[in-house]
Amino acid sequence: MFNKILIANRGEVAVRIIRAAKELGIKTVTVYTKYDIVSLHVILSDEAYRIDDYLNAS
């Protein structure tokens, strides 16, 4: 099985994945933009890393 997974979704889908992973004892990592900093999936994940959104990409 996995030790840790990266969840590249956001919102309710990400929250459901995080909850299922926690039940299985799997650590979760999420990525988020500045607009999602207080979102539930960011708060619930074991690790969260901020990335630039595509509108700021060069």
N, C-alpha and C. Protein backbone atom coordinates (compact mmCIF):
# COMPACT_ATOMS: atom_id res chain seq x y z
N MET A 1 0.85 -1.18 0.00
CA MET A 1 0.00 0.00 0.00
C MET A 1 0.89 1.24 0.00
N PHE A 2 0.28 2.38 -0.04
CA PHE A 2 0.99 3.65 -0.09
C PHE A 2 1.21 4.19 1.32
N ASN A 3 2.31 4.95 1.50
CA ASN A 3 2.55 5.64 2.76
C ASN A 3 2.01 7.06 2.73
N LYS A 4 2.05 7.66 1.53
CA LYS A 4 1.66 9.06 1.37
C LYS A 4 1.16 9.26 -0.05
N ILE A 5 0.11 10.11 -0.20
CA ILE A 5 -0.40 10.41 -1.53
C ILE A 5 -0.52 11.92 -1.72
N LEU A 6 -0.35 12.34 -2.96
CA LEU A 6 -0.56 13.73 -3.34
C LEU A 6 -1.96 13.86 -3.92
N ILE A 7 -2.72 14.79 -3.38
CA ILE A 7 -4.07 15.04 -3.86
C ILE A 7 -4.05 16.35 -4.63
N ALA A 8 -4.23 16.26 -5.92
CA ALA A 8 -4.17 17.44 -6.78
C ALA A 8 -5.56 17.98 -7.09
N ASN A 9 -6.56 17.54 -6.35
CA ASN A 9 -7.92 18.06 -6.49
C ASN A 9 -8.14 19.10 -5.41
N ARG A 10 -9.30 19.73 -5.46
CA ARG A 10 -9.67 20.68 -4.41
C ARG A 10 -11.14 20.49 -4.08
N GLY A 11 -11.58 21.15 -3.03
CA GLY A 11 -12.98 21.10 -2.67
C GLY A 11 -13.42 19.77 -2.08
N GLU A 12 -14.69 19.44 -2.30
CA GLU A 12 -15.31 18.26 -1.70
C GLU A 12 -14.63 16.97 -2.12
N VAL A 13 -14.20 16.89 -3.37
CA VAL A 13 -13.51 15.68 -3.83
C VAL A 13 -12.25 15.44 -3.01
N ALA A 14 -11.47 16.49 -2.82
CA ALA A 14 -10.23 16.37 -2.04
C ALA A 14 -10.52 15.98 -0.59
N VAL A 15 -11.54 16.57 0.00
CA VAL A 15 -11.90 16.27 1.39
C VAL A 15 -12.28 14.80 1.53
N ARG A 16 -13.03 14.27 0.60
CA ARG A 16 -13.42 12.85 0.66
C ARG A 16 -12.21 11.94 0.53
N ILE A 17 -11.29 12.29 -0.36
CA ILE A 17 -10.08 11.50 -0.51
C ILE A 17 -9.25 11.54 0.76
N ILE A 18 -9.11 12.71 1.36
CA ILE A 18 -8.34 12.86 2.60
C ILE A 18 -8.94 12.02 3.71
N ARG A 19 -10.24 12.08 3.87
CA ARG A 19 -10.90 11.30 4.93
C ARG A 19 -10.73 9.81 4.72
N ALA A 20 -10.85 9.35 3.49
CA ALA A 20 -10.65 7.93 3.20
C ALA A 20 -9.20 7.52 3.45
N ALA A 21 -8.27 8.36 3.06
CA ALA A 21 -6.85 8.06 3.28
C ALA A 21 -6.54 7.97 4.76
N LYS A 22 -7.09 8.88 5.56
CA LYS A 22 -6.86 8.84 7.01
C LYS A 22 -7.39 7.55 7.61
N GLU A 23 -8.53 7.07 7.15
CA GLU A 23 -9.08 5.81 7.64
C GLU A 23 -8.15 4.64 7.33
N LEU A 24 -7.42 4.75 6.23
CA LEU A 24 -6.49 3.70 5.82
C LEU A 24 -5.08 3.91 6.37
N GLY A 25 -4.88 4.99 7.11
CA GLY A 25 -3.57 5.27 7.68
C GLY A 25 -2.57 5.84 6.68
N ILE A 26 -3.06 6.46 5.63
CA ILE A 26 -2.20 7.02 4.59
C ILE A 26 -2.09 8.53 4.81
N LYS A 27 -0.87 9.06 4.80
CA LYS A 27 -0.63 10.50 4.92
C LYS A 27 -1.05 11.18 3.63
N THR A 28 -1.49 12.44 3.75
CA THR A 28 -1.95 13.17 2.57
C THR A 28 -1.17 14.46 2.38
N VAL A 29 -0.96 14.79 1.12
CA VAL A 29 -0.30 16.03 0.73
C VAL A 29 -1.20 16.73 -0.27
N THR A 30 -1.42 18.02 -0.07
CA THR A 30 -2.20 18.79 -1.03
C THR A 30 -1.39 19.98 -1.52
N VAL A 31 -1.75 20.45 -2.69
CA VAL A 31 -1.19 21.69 -3.22
C VAL A 31 -2.35 22.67 -3.35
N TYR A 32 -2.05 23.95 -3.15
CA TYR A 32 -3.11 24.95 -3.18
C TYR A 32 -2.58 26.28 -3.68
N THR A 33 -3.48 27.13 -4.12
CA THR A 33 -3.12 28.49 -4.53
C THR A 33 -3.49 29.45 -3.40
N LYS A 34 -3.13 30.70 -3.57
CA LYS A 34 -3.41 31.68 -2.51
C LYS A 34 -4.91 31.80 -2.23
N TYR A 35 -5.74 31.44 -3.18
CA TYR A 35 -7.18 31.55 -3.00
C TYR A 35 -7.75 30.41 -2.14
N ASP A 36 -7.01 29.34 -1.99
CA ASP A 36 -7.48 28.16 -1.25
C ASP A 36 -6.86 28.01 0.13
N ILE A 37 -6.13 28.99 0.59
CA ILE A 37 -5.35 28.83 1.82
C ILE A 37 -6.20 28.45 3.04
N VAL A 38 -7.45 28.86 3.09
CA VAL A 38 -8.32 28.52 4.23
C VAL A 38 -9.34 27.45 3.88
N SER A 39 -9.15 26.78 2.76
CA SER A 39 -10.07 25.72 2.34
C SER A 39 -9.91 24.48 3.21
N LEU A 40 -10.98 23.74 3.36
CA LEU A 40 -10.99 22.57 4.23
C LEU A 40 -9.98 21.52 3.81
N HIS A 41 -9.81 21.30 2.51
CA HIS A 41 -8.86 20.27 2.08
C HIS A 41 -7.42 20.64 2.46
N VAL A 42 -7.11 21.92 2.51
CA VAL A 42 -5.77 22.36 2.92
C VAL A 42 -5.60 22.16 4.42
N ILE A 43 -6.61 22.46 5.19
CA ILE A 43 -6.56 22.34 6.64
C ILE A 43 -6.49 20.88 7.08
N LEU A 44 -7.23 20.00 6.42
CA LEU A 44 -7.29 18.60 6.82
C LEU A 44 -6.07 17.77 6.40
N SER A 45 -5.36 18.20 5.37
CA SER A 45 -4.25 17.39 4.87
C SER A 45 -3.08 17.42 5.85
N ASP A 46 -2.27 16.37 5.80
CA ASP A 46 -1.10 16.29 6.67
C ASP A 46 -0.02 17.28 6.26
N GLU A 47 0.12 17.50 4.96
CA GLU A 47 1.07 18.46 4.42
C GLU A 47 0.37 19.25 3.33
N ALA A 48 0.67 20.54 3.24
CA ALA A 48 0.09 21.38 2.19
C ALA A 48 1.16 22.34 1.68
N TYR A 49 1.24 22.47 0.37
CA TYR A 49 2.25 23.32 -0.26
C TYR A 49 1.57 24.29 -1.21
N ARG A 50 1.93 25.56 -1.04
CA ARG A 50 1.35 26.59 -1.91
C ARG A 50 2.09 26.62 -3.25
N ILE A 51 1.32 26.72 -4.31
CA ILE A 51 1.87 26.86 -5.66
C ILE A 51 1.23 28.08 -6.31
N ASP A 52 1.88 28.63 -7.31
CA ASP A 52 1.29 29.74 -8.06
C ASP A 52 0.15 29.22 -8.91
N ASP A 53 -0.86 30.05 -9.09
CA ASP A 53 -1.94 29.65 -9.98
C ASP A 53 -1.53 29.90 -11.43
N TYR A 54 -2.23 29.30 -12.35
CA TYR A 54 -1.85 29.38 -13.76
C TYR A 54 -1.95 30.80 -14.32
N LEU A 55 -2.72 31.66 -13.69
CA LEU A 55 -2.84 33.04 -14.18
C LEU A 55 -1.56 33.83 -13.95
N ASN A 56 -0.74 33.40 -13.00
CA ASN A 56 0.52 34.09 -12.71
C ASN A 56 1.71 33.45 -13.41
N ALA A 57 1.49 32.39 -14.15
CA ALA A 57 2.59 31.70 -14.82
C ALA A 57 3.13 32.56 -15.96
N SER A 58 4.42 32.48 -16.14
CA SER A 58 5.07 33.26 -17.21
C SER A 58 5.17 32.47 -18.48
